[in-house]
Amino acid sequence: MPDPRQLRVGDRIRFVALPDEWSAPGYFVHDESREFLQALIDRGRPSRVRRIDDDGIPWIEARLRADDGTIVHHDWGIREASGWVRL
């Protein structure tokens, strides 16, 4: 599996599945996180790494349309090694 810490600013990735890590016994994921990642998977477009934080975690920014039509901005740190592919 790819190591997310190998990603660099400007790299493009596509989310293709919910991370395998999320299925591990005792691993807790908020419903909002599942919904957000599923929305990225469903839209099928690549995301670009926008920044790397002090801990080496790559972050993307995403804009998604809410049910009421407004645009909602999200930041997402990529910590899991599965569920995404580098393009």
PDB file of N, CA and C in Angstrom:
ATOM      1  N   MET A   1       0.840  -1.183   0.000  1.00  0.00           N
ATOM      2  CA  MET A   1       0.000   0.000   0.000  1.00  0.00           C
ATOM      3  C   MET A   1       0.883   1.245   0.000  1.00  0.00           C
ATOM      4  N   PRO A   2       0.387   2.302  -0.617  1.00  0.00           N
ATOM      5  CA  PRO A   2       1.186   3.535  -0.644  1.00  0.00           C
ATOM      6  C   PRO A   2       1.238   4.187   0.730  1.00  0.00           C
ATOM      7  N   ASP A   3       2.328   4.870   0.966  1.00  0.00           N
ATOM      8  CA  ASP A   3       2.497   5.612   2.214  1.00  0.00           C
ATOM      9  C   ASP A   3       2.068   7.055   1.967  1.00  0.00           C
ATOM     10  N   PRO A   4       1.035   7.534   2.661  1.00  0.00           N
ATOM     11  CA  PRO A   4       0.585   8.902   2.413  1.00  0.00           C
ATOM     12  C   PRO A   4       1.662   9.948   2.698  1.00  0.00           C
ATOM     13  N   ARG A   5       2.629   9.623   3.553  1.00  0.00           N
ATOM     14  CA  ARG A   5       3.693  10.583   3.865  1.00  0.00           C
ATOM     15  C   ARG A   5       4.673  10.762   2.708  1.00  0.00           C
ATOM     16  N   GLN A   6       4.533   9.947   1.666  1.00  0.00           N
ATOM     17  CA  GLN A   6       5.365  10.108   0.470  1.00  0.00           C
ATOM     18  C   GLN A   6       4.768  11.113  -0.505  1.00  0.00           C
ATOM     19  N   LEU A   7       3.516  11.518  -0.262  1.00  0.00           N
ATOM     20  CA  LEU A   7       2.884  12.505  -1.129  1.00  0.00           C
ATOM     21  C   LEU A   7       3.513  13.870  -0.921  1.00  0.00           C
ATOM     22  N   ARG A   8       3.521  14.664  -1.969  1.00  0.00           N
ATOM     23  CA  ARG A   8       4.085  16.008  -1.920  1.00  0.00           C
ATOM     24  C   ARG A   8       3.042  17.021  -2.391  1.00  0.00           C
ATOM     25  N   VAL A   9       3.235  18.267  -2.040  1.00  0.00           N
ATOM     26  CA  VAL A   9       2.343  19.333  -2.491  1.00  0.00           C
ATOM     27  C   VAL A   9       2.283  19.298  -4.014  1.00  0.00           C
ATOM     28  N   GLY A  10       1.058  19.333  -4.542  1.00  0.00           N
ATOM     29  CA  GLY A  10       0.845  19.295  -5.984  1.00  0.00           C
ATOM     30  C   GLY A  10       0.507  17.917  -6.521  1.00  0.00           C
ATOM     31  N   ASP A  11       0.802  16.853  -5.768  1.00  0.00           N
ATOM     32  CA  ASP A  11       0.442  15.506  -6.220  1.00  0.00           C
ATOM     33  C   ASP A  11      -1.070  15.396  -6.341  1.00  0.00           C
ATOM     34  N   ARG A  12      -1.502  14.657  -7.346  1.00  0.00           N
ATOM     35  CA  ARG A  12      -2.935  14.419  -7.538  1.00  0.00           C
ATOM     36  C   ARG A  12      -3.257  13.002  -7.101  1.00  0.00           C
ATOM     37  N   ILE A  13      -4.369  12.873  -6.393  1.00  0.00           N
ATOM     38  CA  ILE A  13      -4.834  11.554  -5.953  1.00  0.00           C
ATOM     39  C   ILE A  13      -6.328  11.448  -6.241  1.00  0.00           C
ATOM     40  N   ARG A  14      -6.789  10.213  -6.316  1.00  0.00           N
ATOM     41  CA  ARG A  14      -8.231   9.972  -6.453  1.00  0.00           C
ATOM     42  C   ARG A  14      -8.636   8.994  -5.357  1.00  0.00           C
ATOM     43  N   PHE A  15      -9.696   9.330  -4.661  1.00  0.00           N
ATOM     44  CA  PHE A  15     -10.247   8.427  -3.657  1.00  0.00           C
ATOM     45  C   PHE A  15     -11.121   7.408  -4.382  1.00  0.00           C
ATOM     46  N   VAL A  16     -10.862   6.121  -4.139  1.00  0.00           N
ATOM     47  CA  VAL A  16     -11.541   5.062  -4.875  1.00  0.00           C
ATOM     48  C   VAL A  16     -12.365   4.140  -3.980  1.00  0.00           C
ATOM     49  N   ALA A  17     -12.136   4.178  -2.680  1.00  0.00           N
ATOM     50  CA  ALA A  17     -12.872   3.320  -1.741  1.00  0.00           C
ATOM     51  C   ALA A  17     -12.681   3.867  -0.335  1.00  0.00           C
ATOM     52  N   LEU A  18     -13.575   3.481   0.553  1.00  0.00           N
ATOM     53  CA  LEU A  18     -13.356   3.817   1.957  1.00  0.00           C
ATOM     54  C   LEU A  18     -12.127   3.044   2.426  1.00  0.00           C
ATOM     55  N   PRO A  19     -11.291   3.641   3.257  1.00  0.00           N
ATOM     56  CA  PRO A  19     -10.056   2.978   3.683  1.00  0.00           C
ATOM     57  C   PRO A  19     -10.316   1.654   4.393  1.00  0.00           C
ATOM     58  N   ASP A  20      -9.491   0.664   4.090  1.00  0.00           N
ATOM     59  CA  ASP A  20      -9.582  -0.635   4.762  1.00  0.00           C
ATOM     60  C   ASP A  20      -9.387  -0.493   6.269  1.00  0.00           C
ATOM     61  N   GLU A  21      -8.547   0.456   6.661  1.00  0.00           N
ATOM     62  CA  GLU A  21      -8.259   0.666   8.078  1.00  0.00           C
ATOM     63  C   GLU A  21      -9.530   0.965   8.870  1.00  0.00           C
ATOM     64  N   TRP A  22     -10.509   1.569   8.222  1.00  0.00           N
ATOM     65  CA  TRP A  22     -11.739   1.933   8.913  1.00  0.00           C
ATOM     66  C   TRP A  22     -12.576   0.719   9.308  1.00  0.00           C
ATOM     67  N   SER A  23     -12.288  -0.434   8.742  1.00  0.00           N
ATOM     68  CA  SER A  23     -13.042  -1.658   9.058  1.00  0.00           C
ATOM     69  C   SER A  23     -12.418  -2.447  10.203  1.00  0.00           C
ATOM     70  N   ALA A  24     -11.280  -2.022  10.701  1.00  0.00           N
ATOM     71  CA  ALA A  24     -10.598  -2.742  11.773  1.00  0.00           C
ATOM     72  C   ALA A  24     -11.424  -2.687  13.055  1.00  0.00           C
ATOM     73  N   PRO A  25     -11.428  -3.772  13.825  1.00  0.00           N
ATOM     74  CA  PRO A  25     -12.161  -3.774  15.092  1.00  0.00           C
ATOM     75  C   PRO A  25     -11.669  -2.642  15.996  1.00  0.00           C
ATOM     76  N   GLY A  26     -12.623  -1.908  16.560  1.00  0.00           N
ATOM     77  CA  GLY A  26     -12.301  -0.835  17.475  1.00  0.00           C
ATOM     78  C   GLY A  26     -11.927   0.484  16.822  1.00  0.00           C
ATOM     79  N   TYR A  27     -11.867   0.535  15.492  1.00  0.00           N
ATOM     80  CA  TYR A  27     -11.510   1.776  14.793  1.00  0.00           C
ATOM     81  C   TYR A  27     -12.775   2.607  14.643  1.00  0.00           C
ATOM     82  N   PHE A  28     -12.764   3.823  15.177  1.00  0.00           N
ATOM     83  CA  PHE A  28     -13.944   4.677  15.149  1.00  0.00           C
ATOM     84  C   PHE A  28     -13.784   5.759  14.090  1.00  0.00           C
ATOM     85  N   VAL A  29     -14.824   5.936  13.293  1.00  0.00           N
ATOM     86  CA  VAL A  29     -14.854   6.998  12.287  1.00  0.00           C
ATOM     87  C   VAL A  29     -16.202   7.702  12.398  1.00  0.00           C
ATOM     88  N   HIS A  30     -16.187   9.026  12.448  1.00  0.00           N
ATOM     89  CA  HIS A  30     -17.422   9.803  12.506  1.00  0.00           C
ATOM     90  C   HIS A  30     -18.233   9.600  11.224  1.00  0.00           C
ATOM     91  N   ASP A  31     -19.548   9.628  11.347  1.00  0.00           N
ATOM     92  CA  ASP A  31     -20.424   9.501  10.184  1.00  0.00           C
ATOM     93  C   ASP A  31     -20.149  10.591   9.156  1.00  0.00           C
ATOM     94  N   GLU A  32     -19.861  11.794   9.639  1.00  0.00           N
ATOM     95  CA  GLU A  32     -19.580  12.902   8.727  1.00  0.00           C
ATOM     96  C   GLU A  32     -18.331  12.625   7.878  1.00  0.00           C
ATOM     97  N   SER A  33     -17.348  11.972   8.473  1.00  0.00           N
ATOM     98  CA  SER A  33     -16.131  11.627   7.735  1.00  0.00           C
ATOM     99  C   SER A  33     -16.430  10.593   6.656  1.00  0.00           C
ATOM    100  N   ARG A  34     -17.236   9.590   7.003  1.00  0.00           N
ATOM    101  CA  ARG A  34     -17.629   8.580   6.011  1.00  0.00           C
ATOM    102  C   ARG A  34     -18.407   9.224   4.857  1.00  0.00           C
ATOM    103  N   GLU A  35     -19.330  10.099   5.189  1.00  0.00           N
ATOM    104  CA  GLU A  35     -20.131  10.765   4.163  1.00  0.00           C
ATOM    105  C   GLU A  35     -19.267  11.637   3.265  1.00  0.00           C
ATOM    106  N   PHE A  36     -18.330  12.365   3.865  1.00  0.00           N
ATOM    107  CA  PHE A  36     -17.444  13.223   3.085  1.00  0.00           C
ATOM    108  C   PHE A  36     -16.593  12.398   2.125  1.00  0.00           C
ATOM    109  N   LEU A  37     -15.960  11.360   2.648  1.00  0.00           N
ATOM    110  CA  LEU A  37     -15.095  10.558   1.784  1.00  0.00           C
ATOM    111  C   LEU A  37     -15.904   9.850   0.704  1.00  0.00           C
ATOM    112  N   GLN A  38     -17.102   9.387   1.040  1.00  0.00           N
ATOM    113  CA  GLN A  38     -17.947   8.749   0.031  1.00  0.00           C
ATOM    114  C   GLN A  38     -18.326   9.748  -1.058  1.00  0.00           C
ATOM    115  N   ALA A  39     -18.543  11.001  -0.699  1.00  0.00           N
ATOM    116  CA  ALA A  39     -18.846  12.024  -1.697  1.00  0.00           C
ATOM    117  C   ALA A  39     -17.657  12.230  -2.640  1.00  0.00           C
ATOM    118  N   LEU A  40     -16.438  12.214  -2.105  1.00  0.00           N
ATOM    119  CA  LEU A  40     -15.254  12.337  -2.958  1.00  0.00           C
ATOM    120  C   LEU A  40     -15.121  11.133  -3.889  1.00  0.00           C
ATOM    121  N   ILE A  41     -15.418   9.956  -3.385  1.00  0.00           N
ATOM    122  CA  ILE A  41     -15.370   8.739  -4.210  1.00  0.00           C
ATOM    123  C   ILE A  41     -16.406   8.838  -5.319  1.00  0.00           C
ATOM    124  N   ASP A  42     -17.626   9.216  -4.959  1.00  0.00           N
ATOM    125  CA  ASP A  42     -18.722   9.276  -5.926  1.00  0.00           C
ATOM    126  C   ASP A  42     -18.480  10.300  -7.024  1.00  0.00           C
ATOM    127  N   ARG A  43     -17.857  11.425  -6.682  1.00  0.00           N
ATOM    128  CA  ARG A  43     -17.657  12.440  -7.711  1.00  0.00           C
ATOM    129  C   ARG A  43     -16.578  12.022  -8.710  1.00  0.00           C
ATOM    130  N   GLY A  44     -15.641  11.166  -8.292  1.00  0.00           N
ATOM    131  CA  GLY A  44     -14.685  10.579  -9.214  1.00  0.00           C
ATOM    132  C   GLY A  44     -13.592  11.492  -9.733  1.00  0.00           C
ATOM    133  N   ARG A  45     -13.556  12.728  -9.275  1.00  0.00           N
ATOM    134  CA  ARG A  45     -12.525  13.652  -9.744  1.00  0.00           C
ATOM    135  C   ARG A  45     -11.309  13.585  -8.829  1.00  0.00           C
ATOM    136  N   PRO A  46     -10.138  13.866  -9.366  1.00  0.00           N
ATOM    137  CA  PRO A  46      -8.941  13.853  -8.521  1.00  0.00           C
ATOM    138  C   PRO A  46      -8.907  15.053  -7.584  1.00  0.00           C
ATOM    139  N   SER A  47      -8.154  14.886  -6.524  1.00  0.00           N
ATOM    140  CA  SER A  47      -7.887  15.952  -5.564  1.00  0.00           C
ATOM    141  C   SER A  47      -6.387  16.215  -5.580  1.00  0.00           C
ATOM    142  N   ARG A  48      -6.006  17.436  -5.251  1.00  0.00           N
ATOM    143  CA  ARG A  48      -4.589  17.805  -5.248  1.00  0.00           C
ATOM    144  C   ARG A  48      -4.138  18.063  -3.814  1.00  0.00           C
ATOM    145  N   VAL A  49      -2.955  17.550  -3.474  1.00  0.00           N
ATOM    146  CA  VAL A  49      -2.377  17.818  -2.160  1.00  0.00           C
ATOM    147  C   VAL A  49      -2.025  19.299  -2.105  1.00  0.00           C
ATOM    148  N   ARG A  50      -2.580  20.007  -1.134  1.00  0.00           N
ATOM    149  CA  ARG A  50      -2.394  21.457  -1.014  1.00  0.00           C
ATOM    150  C   ARG A  50      -1.310  21.840  -0.014  1.00  0.00           C
ATOM    151  N   ARG A  51      -1.132  21.005   1.018  1.00  0.00           N
ATOM    152  CA  ARG A  51      -0.114  21.336   2.015  1.00  0.00           C
ATOM    153  C   ARG A  51       0.296  20.078   2.769  1.00  0.00           C
ATOM    154  N   ILE A  52       1.442  20.162   3.408  1.00  0.00           N
ATOM    155  CA  ILE A  52       1.936  19.109   4.294  1.00  0.00           C
ATOM    156  C   ILE A  52       2.078  19.756   5.672  1.00  0.00           C
ATOM    157  N   ASP A  53       1.468  19.141   6.694  1.00  0.00           N
ATOM    158  CA  ASP A  53       1.541  19.768   8.015  1.00  0.00           C
ATOM    159  C   ASP A  53       2.855  19.430   8.717  1.00  0.00           C
ATOM    160  N   ASP A  54       3.028  19.936   9.916  1.00  0.00           N
ATOM    161  CA  ASP A  54       4.275  19.753  10.663  1.00  0.00           C
ATOM    162  C   ASP A  54       4.556  18.293  11.013  1.00  0.00           C
ATOM    163  N   ASP A  55       3.512  17.451  11.016  1.00  0.00           N
ATOM    164  CA  ASP A  55       3.683  16.026  11.294  1.00  0.00           C
ATOM    165  C   ASP A  55       3.888  15.210  10.027  1.00  0.00           C
ATOM    166  N   GLY A  56       3.956  15.876   8.875  1.00  0.00           N
ATOM    167  CA  GLY A  56       4.173  15.182   7.606  1.00  0.00           C
ATOM    168  C   GLY A  56       2.901  14.654   6.964  1.00  0.00           C
ATOM    169  N   ILE A  57       1.737  15.054   7.476  1.00  0.00           N
ATOM    170  CA  ILE A  57       0.457  14.594   6.933  1.00  0.00           C
ATOM    171  C   ILE A  57       0.078  15.469   5.738  1.00  0.00           C
ATOM    172  N   PRO A  58      -0.197  14.851   4.575  1.00  0.00           N
ATOM    173  CA  PRO A  58      -0.651  15.631   3.424  1.00  0.00           C
ATOM    174  C   PRO A  58      -2.133  15.977   3.570  1.00  0.00           C
ATOM    175  N   TRP A  59      -2.501  17.179   3.134  1.00  0.00           N
ATOM    176  CA  TRP A  59      -3.876  17.671   3.241  1.00  0.00           C
ATOM    177  C   TRP A  59      -4.387  18.093   1.877  1.00  0.00           C
ATOM    178  N   ILE A  60      -5.652  17.794   1.630  1.00  0.00           N
ATOM    179  CA  ILE A  60      -6.332  18.283   0.434  1.00  0.00           C
ATOM    180  C   ILE A  60      -7.393  19.282   0.871  1.00  0.00           C
ATOM    181  N   GLU A  61      -7.838  20.082  -0.070  1.00  0.00           N
ATOM    182  CA  GLU A  61      -9.001  20.952   0.132  1.00  0.00           C
ATOM    183  C   GLU A  61     -10.041  20.510  -0.870  1.00  0.00           C
ATOM    184  N   ALA A  62     -11.286  20.454  -0.436  1.00  0.00           N
ATOM    185  CA  ALA A  62     -12.367  20.052  -1.336  1.00  0.00           C
ATOM    186  C   ALA A  62     -13.557  20.971  -1.138  1.00  0.00           C
ATOM    187  N   ARG A  63     -14.237  21.243  -2.239  1.00  0.00           N
ATOM    188  CA  ARG A  63     -15.484  22.007  -2.191  1.00  0.00           C
ATOM    189  C   ARG A  63     -16.590  21.082  -2.664  1.00  0.00           C
ATOM    190  N   LEU A  64     -17.594  20.917  -1.827  1.00  0.00           N
ATOM    191  CA  LEU A  64     -18.737  20.066  -2.159  1.00  0.00           C
ATOM    192  C   LEU A  64     -20.017  20.874  -2.008  1.00  0.00           C
ATOM    193  N   ARG A  65     -20.988  20.524  -2.810  1.00  0.00           N
ATOM    194  CA  ARG A  65     -22.282  21.206  -2.743  1.00  0.00           C
ATOM    195  C   ARG A  65     -23.167  20.512  -1.703  1.00  0.00           C
ATOM    196  N   ALA A  66     -23.688  21.306  -0.773  1.00  0.00           N
ATOM    197  CA  ALA A  66     -24.594  20.787   0.256  1.00  0.00           C
ATOM    198  C   ALA A  66     -25.981  20.577  -0.348  1.00  0.00           C
ATOM    199  N   ASP A  67     -26.843  19.907   0.392  1.00  0.00           N
ATOM    200  CA  ASP A  67     -28.208  19.638  -0.074  1.00  0.00           C
ATOM    201  C   ASP A  67     -28.972  20.923  -0.399  1.00  0.00           C
ATOM    202  N   ASP A  68     -28.660  22.015   0.301  1.00  0.00           N
ATOM    203  CA  ASP A  68     -29.364  23.274   0.043  1.00  0.00           C
ATOM    204  C   ASP A  68     -28.736  24.083  -1.089  1.00  0.00           C
ATOM    205  N   GLY A  69     -27.702  23.519  -1.733  1.00  0.00           N
ATOM    206  CA  GLY A  69     -27.081  24.167  -2.878  1.00  0.00           C
ATOM    207  C   GLY A  69     -25.865  25.021  -2.560  1.00  0.00           C
ATOM    208  N   THR A  70     -25.598  25.246  -1.294  1.00  0.00           N
ATOM    209  CA  THR A  70     -24.427  26.046  -0.938  1.00  0.00           C
ATOM    210  C   THR A  70     -23.150  25.214  -1.109  1.00  0.00           C
ATOM    211  N   ILE A  71     -22.058  25.916  -1.316  1.00  0.00           N
ATOM    212  CA  ILE A  71     -20.755  25.260  -1.437  1.00  0.00           C
ATOM    213  C   ILE A  71     -20.114  25.213  -0.058  1.00  0.00           C
ATOM    214  N   VAL A  72     -19.656  24.025   0.325  1.00  0.00           N
ATOM    215  CA  VAL A  72     -19.024  23.832   1.627  1.00  0.00           C
ATOM    216  C   VAL A  72     -17.557  23.473   1.385  1.00  0.00           C
ATOM    217  N   HIS A  73     -16.655  24.157   2.086  1.00  0.00           N
ATOM    218  CA  HIS A  73     -15.219  23.917   1.966  1.00  0.00           C
ATOM    219  C   HIS A  73     -14.768  22.942   3.055  1.00  0.00           C
ATOM    220  N   HIS A  74     -13.940  21.996   2.661  1.00  0.00           N
ATOM    221  CA  HIS A  74     -13.436  20.980   3.584  1.00  0.00           C
ATOM    222  C   HIS A  74     -11.927  20.879   3.468  1.00  0.00           C
ATOM    223  N   ASP A  75     -11.267  20.550   4.571  1.00  0.00           N
ATOM    224  CA  ASP A  75      -9.868  20.149   4.590  1.00  0.00           C
ATOM    225  C   ASP A  75      -9.838  18.691   5.030  1.00  0.00           C
ATOM    226  N   TRP A  76      -8.944  17.901   4.434  1.00  0.00           N
ATOM    227  CA  TRP A  76      -8.880  16.488   4.769  1.00  0.00           C
ATOM    228  C   TRP A  76      -7.428  16.044   4.825  1.00  0.00           C
ATOM    229  N   GLY A  77      -7.012  15.541   5.972  1.00  0.00           N
ATOM    230  CA  GLY A  77      -5.670  14.987   6.129  1.00  0.00           C
ATOM    231  C   GLY A  77      -5.668  13.524   5.733  1.00  0.00           C
ATOM    232  N   ILE A  78      -4.732  13.141   4.902  1.00  0.00           N
ATOM    233  CA  ILE A  78      -4.662  11.762   4.409  1.00  0.00           C
ATOM    234  C   ILE A  78      -3.730  10.974   5.322  1.00  0.00           C
ATOM    235  N   ARG A  79      -4.319  10.162   6.176  1.00  0.00           N
ATOM    236  CA  ARG A  79      -3.558   9.368   7.140  1.00  0.00           C
ATOM    237  C   ARG A  79      -3.561   7.887   6.784  1.00  0.00           C
ATOM    238  N   GLU A  80      -4.588   7.452   6.067  1.00  0.00           N
ATOM    239  CA  GLU A  80      -4.723   6.033   5.741  1.00  0.00           C
ATOM    240  C   GLU A  80      -3.969   5.708   4.451  1.00  0.00           C
ATOM    241  N   ALA A  81      -3.457   4.489   4.384  1.00  0.00           N
ATOM    242  CA  ALA A  81      -2.680   4.057   3.218  1.00  0.00           C
ATOM    243  C   ALA A  81      -3.554   3.416   2.149  1.00  0.00           C
ATOM    244  N   SER A  82      -4.820   3.202   2.428  1.00  0.00           N
ATOM    245  CA  SER A  82      -5.701   2.561   1.444  1.00  0.00           C
ATOM    246  C   SER A  82      -6.855   3.493   1.115  1.00  0.00           C
ATOM    247  N   GLY A  83      -7.543   3.169   0.013  1.00  0.00           N
ATOM    248  CA  GLY A  83      -8.719   3.932  -0.383  1.00  0.00           C
ATOM    249  C   GLY A  83      -8.427   5.033  -1.382  1.00  0.00           C
ATOM    250  N   TRP A  84      -7.172   5.253  -1.736  1.00  0.00           N
ATOM    251  CA  TRP A  84      -6.809   6.290  -2.692  1.00  0.00           C
ATOM    252  C   TRP A  84      -5.680   5.787  -3.591  1.00  0.00           C
ATOM    253  N   VAL A  85      -5.558   6.419  -4.738  1.00  0.00           N
ATOM    254  CA  VAL A  85      -4.459   6.103  -5.668  1.00  0.00           C
ATOM    255  C   VAL A  85      -3.825   7.417  -6.122  1.00  0.00           C
ATOM    256  N   ARG A  86      -2.521   7.386  -6.325  1.00  0.00           N
ATOM    257  CA  ARG A  86      -1.820   8.554  -6.869  1.00  0.00           C
ATOM    258  C   ARG A  86      -1.971   8.533  -8.381  1.00  0.00           C
ATOM    259  N   LEU A  87      -2.221   9.682  -8.959  1.00  0.00           N
ATOM    260  CA  LEU A  87      -2.385   9.776 -10.418  1.00  0.00           C
ATOM    261  C   LEU A  87      -1.110  10.281 -11.071  1.00  0.00           C
TER     262      LEU A  87
END
